[in-house]
Amino acid sequence: MIHIDRIVAGTIVVTAVKGRLDSSSSPKLEEFLAGAPSEGTILLDFAELTYISSAGLRVVLKATKLVRGAGGTLAVCGLIPQVHEVFDVSGFSSLIPIHPSREAALATMT
């Protein structure tokens, strides 16, 4: 089960994801992100994300490519240690800016 909220903080669209991001829930995030303006700045707040699978990583990568292709920026924040390890092992930590918290991300992204 996954729960997604969108919050606009100035020019940044914050997408807060709660729960597990796996093959059954990743289509919901993919659909949700498709409705976000790709030319802006998107912050994926994963502070309450407890698990991410390769299907979830695929959605993050696809969103990153779309946003960057439109001249925008995508970053993530609030990774718990287990999710951060998945980002590290998969190489995503070198592809996508990762911030320790939403506050830290917003301070550097604005």
N, C-alpha and C. Protein backbone atom coordinates (compact mmCIF):
# COMPACT_ATOMS: atom_id res chain seq x y z
N MET A 1 0.85 -1.18 0.00
CA MET A 1 0.00 0.00 0.00
C MET A 1 0.89 1.24 0.00
N ILE A 2 0.49 2.22 -0.76
CA ILE A 2 1.25 3.46 -0.86
C ILE A 2 0.30 4.64 -0.75
N HIS A 3 0.79 5.71 -0.15
CA HIS A 3 0.03 6.94 -0.05
C HIS A 3 0.92 8.06 -0.57
N ILE A 4 0.36 8.92 -1.44
CA ILE A 4 1.14 9.98 -2.07
C ILE A 4 0.43 11.31 -1.86
N ASP A 5 1.21 12.33 -1.45
CA ASP A 5 0.69 13.69 -1.30
C ASP A 5 1.55 14.63 -2.13
N ARG A 6 0.91 15.65 -2.69
CA ARG A 6 1.64 16.68 -3.42
C ARG A 6 1.46 18.00 -2.68
N ILE A 7 2.60 18.65 -2.40
CA ILE A 7 2.61 19.92 -1.73
C ILE A 7 3.45 20.86 -2.58
N VAL A 8 2.96 22.06 -2.81
CA VAL A 8 3.74 23.03 -3.58
C VAL A 8 4.40 23.99 -2.59
N ALA A 9 5.72 24.06 -2.64
CA ALA A 9 6.50 24.94 -1.78
C ALA A 9 7.21 25.95 -2.68
N GLY A 10 6.57 27.06 -2.93
CA GLY A 10 7.13 28.05 -3.86
C GLY A 10 7.11 27.49 -5.27
N THR A 11 8.28 27.33 -5.86
CA THR A 11 8.37 26.80 -7.23
C THR A 11 8.69 25.31 -7.24
N ILE A 12 8.73 24.70 -6.06
CA ILE A 12 9.08 23.29 -5.95
C ILE A 12 7.84 22.45 -5.66
N VAL A 13 7.66 21.40 -6.42
CA VAL A 13 6.57 20.46 -6.17
C VAL A 13 7.13 19.32 -5.32
N VAL A 14 6.66 19.23 -4.08
CA VAL A 14 7.11 18.19 -3.17
C VAL A 14 6.11 17.04 -3.26
N THR A 15 6.60 15.86 -3.54
CA THR A 15 5.78 14.67 -3.60
C THR A 15 6.21 13.75 -2.46
N ALA A 16 5.35 13.64 -1.45
CA ALA A 16 5.64 12.82 -0.28
C ALA A 16 5.06 11.43 -0.49
N VAL A 17 5.90 10.41 -0.37
CA VAL A 17 5.49 9.03 -0.61
C VAL A 17 5.60 8.26 0.71
N LYS A 18 4.53 7.57 1.07
CA LYS A 18 4.50 6.81 2.33
C LYS A 18 4.18 5.36 2.04
N GLY A 19 4.91 4.44 2.67
CA GLY A 19 4.63 3.01 2.51
C GLY A 19 5.70 2.30 1.71
N ARG A 20 5.26 1.33 0.91
CA ARG A 20 6.16 0.50 0.10
C ARG A 20 6.00 0.86 -1.37
N LEU A 21 7.13 1.04 -2.04
CA LEU A 21 7.12 1.32 -3.47
C LEU A 21 7.66 0.09 -4.18
N ASP A 22 6.73 -0.73 -4.67
CA ASP A 22 7.10 -2.00 -5.31
C ASP A 22 6.32 -2.16 -6.60
N SER A 23 6.33 -3.35 -7.16
CA SER A 23 5.68 -3.57 -8.45
C SER A 23 4.18 -3.32 -8.42
N SER A 24 3.54 -3.51 -7.29
CA SER A 24 2.10 -3.28 -7.24
C SER A 24 1.75 -1.82 -6.99
N SER A 25 2.64 -1.06 -6.36
CA SER A 25 2.32 0.33 -6.05
C SER A 25 3.02 1.34 -6.96
N SER A 26 4.08 0.96 -7.63
CA SER A 26 4.82 1.91 -8.46
C SER A 26 4.00 2.53 -9.59
N PRO A 27 3.04 1.81 -10.20
CA PRO A 27 2.23 2.47 -11.23
C PRO A 27 1.46 3.68 -10.69
N LYS A 28 1.08 3.64 -9.42
CA LYS A 28 0.37 4.77 -8.83
C LYS A 28 1.28 6.00 -8.76
N LEU A 29 2.54 5.81 -8.34
CA LEU A 29 3.48 6.93 -8.29
C LEU A 29 3.79 7.42 -9.71
N GLU A 30 3.94 6.50 -10.64
CA GLU A 30 4.23 6.88 -12.02
C GLU A 30 3.11 7.75 -12.58
N GLU A 31 1.88 7.36 -12.33
CA GLU A 31 0.73 8.13 -12.79
C GLU A 31 0.69 9.49 -12.09
N PHE A 32 0.96 9.49 -10.82
CA PHE A 32 0.95 10.73 -10.04
C PHE A 32 2.00 11.71 -10.56
N LEU A 33 3.21 11.21 -10.82
CA LEU A 33 4.29 12.07 -11.31
C LEU A 33 4.03 12.56 -12.73
N ALA A 34 3.28 11.79 -13.51
CA ALA A 34 2.95 12.20 -14.88
C ALA A 34 2.13 13.48 -14.87
N GLY A 35 1.42 13.74 -13.78
CA GLY A 35 0.61 14.95 -13.66
C GLY A 35 1.38 16.15 -13.14
N ALA A 36 2.63 15.96 -12.77
CA ALA A 36 3.46 17.07 -12.25
C ALA A 36 4.11 17.80 -13.41
N PRO A 37 4.33 19.10 -13.26
CA PRO A 37 5.00 19.85 -14.34
C PRO A 37 6.45 19.43 -14.46
N SER A 38 6.83 18.85 -15.59
CA SER A 38 8.17 18.31 -15.75
C SER A 38 9.24 19.38 -15.93
N GLU A 39 8.84 20.60 -16.25
CA GLU A 39 9.85 21.64 -16.47
C GLU A 39 10.25 22.34 -15.18
N GLY A 40 9.65 21.99 -14.07
CA GLY A 40 9.95 22.63 -12.80
C GLY A 40 10.91 21.82 -11.95
N THR A 41 10.79 22.03 -10.66
CA THR A 41 11.63 21.33 -9.70
C THR A 41 10.75 20.39 -8.88
N ILE A 42 11.12 19.12 -8.85
CA ILE A 42 10.36 18.11 -8.11
C ILE A 42 11.24 17.54 -7.02
N LEU A 43 10.68 17.49 -5.82
CA LEU A 43 11.37 16.89 -4.69
C LEU A 43 10.54 15.68 -4.24
N LEU A 44 11.14 14.50 -4.30
CA LEU A 44 10.49 13.29 -3.82
C LEU A 44 10.87 13.10 -2.36
N ASP A 45 9.90 13.29 -1.48
CA ASP A 45 10.13 13.14 -0.04
C ASP A 45 9.83 11.70 0.33
N PHE A 46 10.88 10.94 0.60
CA PHE A 46 10.77 9.52 0.91
C PHE A 46 10.96 9.24 2.40
N ALA A 47 10.74 10.25 3.25
CA ALA A 47 10.95 10.09 4.70
C ALA A 47 10.09 8.97 5.29
N GLU A 48 8.93 8.72 4.69
CA GLU A 48 8.04 7.67 5.19
C GLU A 48 7.94 6.49 4.23
N LEU A 49 8.91 6.38 3.33
CA LEU A 49 8.99 5.24 2.42
C LEU A 49 9.76 4.14 3.13
N THR A 50 9.13 2.99 3.32
CA THR A 50 9.75 1.91 4.08
C THR A 50 10.47 0.88 3.22
N TYR A 51 10.19 0.89 1.91
CA TYR A 51 10.77 -0.12 1.02
C TYR A 51 10.68 0.40 -0.41
N ILE A 52 11.71 0.11 -1.21
CA ILE A 52 11.67 0.41 -2.65
C ILE A 52 12.27 -0.76 -3.41
N SER A 53 11.56 -1.21 -4.43
CA SER A 53 12.03 -2.32 -5.26
C SER A 53 12.59 -1.76 -6.57
N SER A 54 13.03 -2.65 -7.42
CA SER A 54 13.53 -2.22 -8.73
C SER A 54 12.43 -1.54 -9.55
N ALA A 55 11.19 -1.94 -9.35
CA ALA A 55 10.08 -1.28 -10.05
C ALA A 55 9.94 0.17 -9.58
N GLY A 56 10.12 0.39 -8.30
CA GLY A 56 10.08 1.75 -7.76
C GLY A 56 11.24 2.58 -8.27
N LEU A 57 12.42 1.98 -8.32
CA LEU A 57 13.59 2.68 -8.85
C LEU A 57 13.38 3.06 -10.31
N ARG A 58 12.74 2.19 -11.06
CA ARG A 58 12.46 2.47 -12.48
C ARG A 58 11.60 3.72 -12.61
N VAL A 59 10.59 3.86 -11.74
CA VAL A 59 9.71 5.03 -11.79
C VAL A 59 10.51 6.30 -11.46
N VAL A 60 11.39 6.22 -10.47
CA VAL A 60 12.21 7.37 -10.10
C VAL A 60 13.14 7.75 -11.25
N LEU A 61 13.75 6.76 -11.88
CA LEU A 61 14.64 7.02 -13.01
C LEU A 61 13.88 7.63 -14.19
N LYS A 62 12.72 7.10 -14.50
CA LYS A 62 11.91 7.62 -15.60
C LYS A 62 11.52 9.08 -15.34
N ALA A 63 11.10 9.37 -14.11
CA ALA A 63 10.72 10.73 -13.75
C ALA A 63 11.93 11.67 -13.85
N THR A 64 13.09 11.19 -13.42
CA THR A 64 14.31 12.00 -13.48
C THR A 64 14.63 12.35 -14.93
N LYS A 65 14.56 11.38 -15.82
CA LYS A 65 14.85 11.63 -17.24
C LYS A 65 13.86 12.62 -17.85
N LEU A 66 12.58 12.47 -17.53
CA LEU A 66 11.56 13.38 -18.07
C LEU A 66 11.78 14.80 -17.58
N VAL A 67 12.03 14.95 -16.29
CA VAL A 67 12.21 16.28 -15.71
C VAL A 67 13.48 16.93 -16.26
N ARG A 68 14.57 16.19 -16.28
CA ARG A 68 15.82 16.75 -16.81
C ARG A 68 15.70 17.09 -18.29
N GLY A 69 15.00 16.25 -19.04
CA GLY A 69 14.80 16.50 -20.46
C GLY A 69 14.03 17.77 -20.73
N ALA A 70 13.19 18.17 -19.79
CA ALA A 70 12.41 19.40 -19.93
C ALA A 70 13.11 20.59 -19.27
N GLY A 71 14.34 20.36 -18.79
CA GLY A 71 15.09 21.45 -18.18
C GLY A 71 14.84 21.64 -16.70
N GLY A 72 14.18 20.68 -16.08
CA GLY A 72 13.87 20.78 -14.66
C GLY A 72 14.86 20.03 -13.79
N THR A 73 14.55 19.95 -12.52
CA THR A 73 15.40 19.29 -11.55
C THR A 73 14.57 18.34 -10.71
N LEU A 74 15.10 17.17 -10.41
CA LEU A 74 14.45 16.22 -9.52
C LEU A 74 15.47 15.80 -8.46
N ALA A 75 15.03 15.78 -7.21
CA ALA A 75 15.87 15.35 -6.10
C ALA A 75 15.02 14.53 -5.14
N VAL A 76 15.68 13.80 -4.26
CA VAL A 76 14.97 13.03 -3.23
C VAL A 76 15.49 13.45 -1.86
N CYS A 77 14.67 13.19 -0.85
CA CYS A 77 15.09 13.54 0.51
C CYS A 77 14.50 12.55 1.50
N GLY A 78 15.10 12.53 2.68
CA GLY A 78 14.56 11.77 3.80
C GLY A 78 14.68 10.26 3.70
N LEU A 79 15.68 9.76 3.01
CA LEU A 79 15.80 8.31 2.85
C LEU A 79 16.16 7.64 4.18
N ILE A 80 15.38 6.62 4.54
CA ILE A 80 15.75 5.82 5.72
C ILE A 80 16.95 4.97 5.32
N PRO A 81 17.72 4.45 6.28
CA PRO A 81 18.95 3.72 5.94
C PRO A 81 18.76 2.58 4.93
N GLN A 82 17.70 1.81 5.06
CA GLN A 82 17.49 0.69 4.14
C GLN A 82 17.25 1.16 2.71
N VAL A 83 16.47 2.22 2.55
CA VAL A 83 16.20 2.76 1.21
C VAL A 83 17.45 3.44 0.67
N HIS A 84 18.17 4.15 1.54
CA HIS A 84 19.41 4.80 1.11
C HIS A 84 20.41 3.76 0.60
N GLU A 85 20.47 2.62 1.25
CA GLU A 85 21.36 1.55 0.81
C GLU A 85 20.99 1.07 -0.59
N VAL A 86 19.69 0.95 -0.88
CA VAL A 86 19.24 0.54 -2.21
C VAL A 86 19.68 1.59 -3.24
N PHE A 87 19.55 2.87 -2.91
CA PHE A 87 20.00 3.94 -3.82
C PHE A 87 21.51 3.85 -4.04
N ASP A 88 22.26 3.56 -2.98
CA ASP A 88 23.72 3.45 -3.10
C ASP A 88 24.12 2.26 -3.96
N VAL A 89 23.57 1.09 -3.67
CA VAL A 89 23.94 -0.15 -4.37
C VAL A 89 23.55 -0.07 -5.86
N SER A 90 22.42 0.57 -6.15
CA SER A 90 21.95 0.66 -7.53
C SER A 90 22.64 1.77 -8.32
N GLY A 91 23.40 2.62 -7.64
CA GLY A 91 24.07 3.72 -8.31
C GLY A 91 23.24 4.98 -8.43
N PHE A 92 22.02 4.95 -7.91
CA PHE A 92 21.14 6.11 -8.00
C PHE A 92 21.68 7.29 -7.19
N SER A 93 22.47 7.02 -6.16
CA SER A 93 23.01 8.09 -5.33
C SER A 93 23.92 9.02 -6.13
N SER A 94 24.51 8.50 -7.19
CA SER A 94 25.37 9.33 -8.02
C SER A 94 24.60 10.01 -9.16
N LEU A 95 23.37 9.58 -9.40
CA LEU A 95 22.55 10.14 -10.48
C LEU A 95 21.59 11.23 -10.01
N ILE A 96 21.12 11.10 -8.78
CA ILE A 96 20.05 11.95 -8.27
C ILE A 96 20.51 12.61 -6.98
N PRO A 97 20.36 13.94 -6.87
CA PRO A 97 20.71 14.59 -5.60
C PRO A 97 19.85 14.04 -4.45
N ILE A 98 20.52 13.71 -3.34
CA ILE A 98 19.85 13.19 -2.16
C ILE A 98 20.12 14.14 -1.00
N HIS A 99 19.05 14.57 -0.35
CA HIS A 99 19.14 15.47 0.80
C HIS A 99 18.66 14.75 2.05
N PRO A 100 19.22 15.08 3.21
CA PRO A 100 18.84 14.37 4.43
C PRO A 100 17.40 14.62 4.88
N SER A 101 16.85 15.78 4.55
CA SER A 101 15.48 16.11 4.98
C SER A 101 14.83 17.04 3.97
N ARG A 102 13.53 17.20 4.11
CA ARG A 102 12.79 18.13 3.23
C ARG A 102 13.30 19.55 3.45
N GLU A 103 13.51 19.92 4.69
CA GLU A 103 13.97 21.26 5.02
C GLU A 103 15.32 21.55 4.37
N ALA A 104 16.25 20.58 4.49
CA ALA A 104 17.57 20.75 3.89
C ALA A 104 17.48 20.86 2.37
N ALA A 105 16.64 20.06 1.78
CA ALA A 105 16.46 20.10 0.32
C ALA A 105 15.89 21.43 -0.12
N LEU A 106 14.83 21.90 0.54
CA LEU A 106 14.22 23.16 0.15
C LEU A 106 15.18 24.32 0.33
N ALA A 107 16.03 24.26 1.34
CA ALA A 107 17.01 25.33 1.58
C ALA A 107 18.02 25.42 0.45
N THR A 108 18.39 24.28 -0.13
CA THR A 108 19.40 24.30 -1.20
C THR A 108 18.79 24.39 -2.60
N MET A 109 17.52 24.06 -2.73
CA MET A 109 16.91 24.03 -4.05
C MET A 109 16.22 25.35 -4.42
N THR A 110 16.05 26.24 -3.47
CA THR A 110 15.36 27.50 -3.78
C THR A 110 16.31 28.61 -4.05
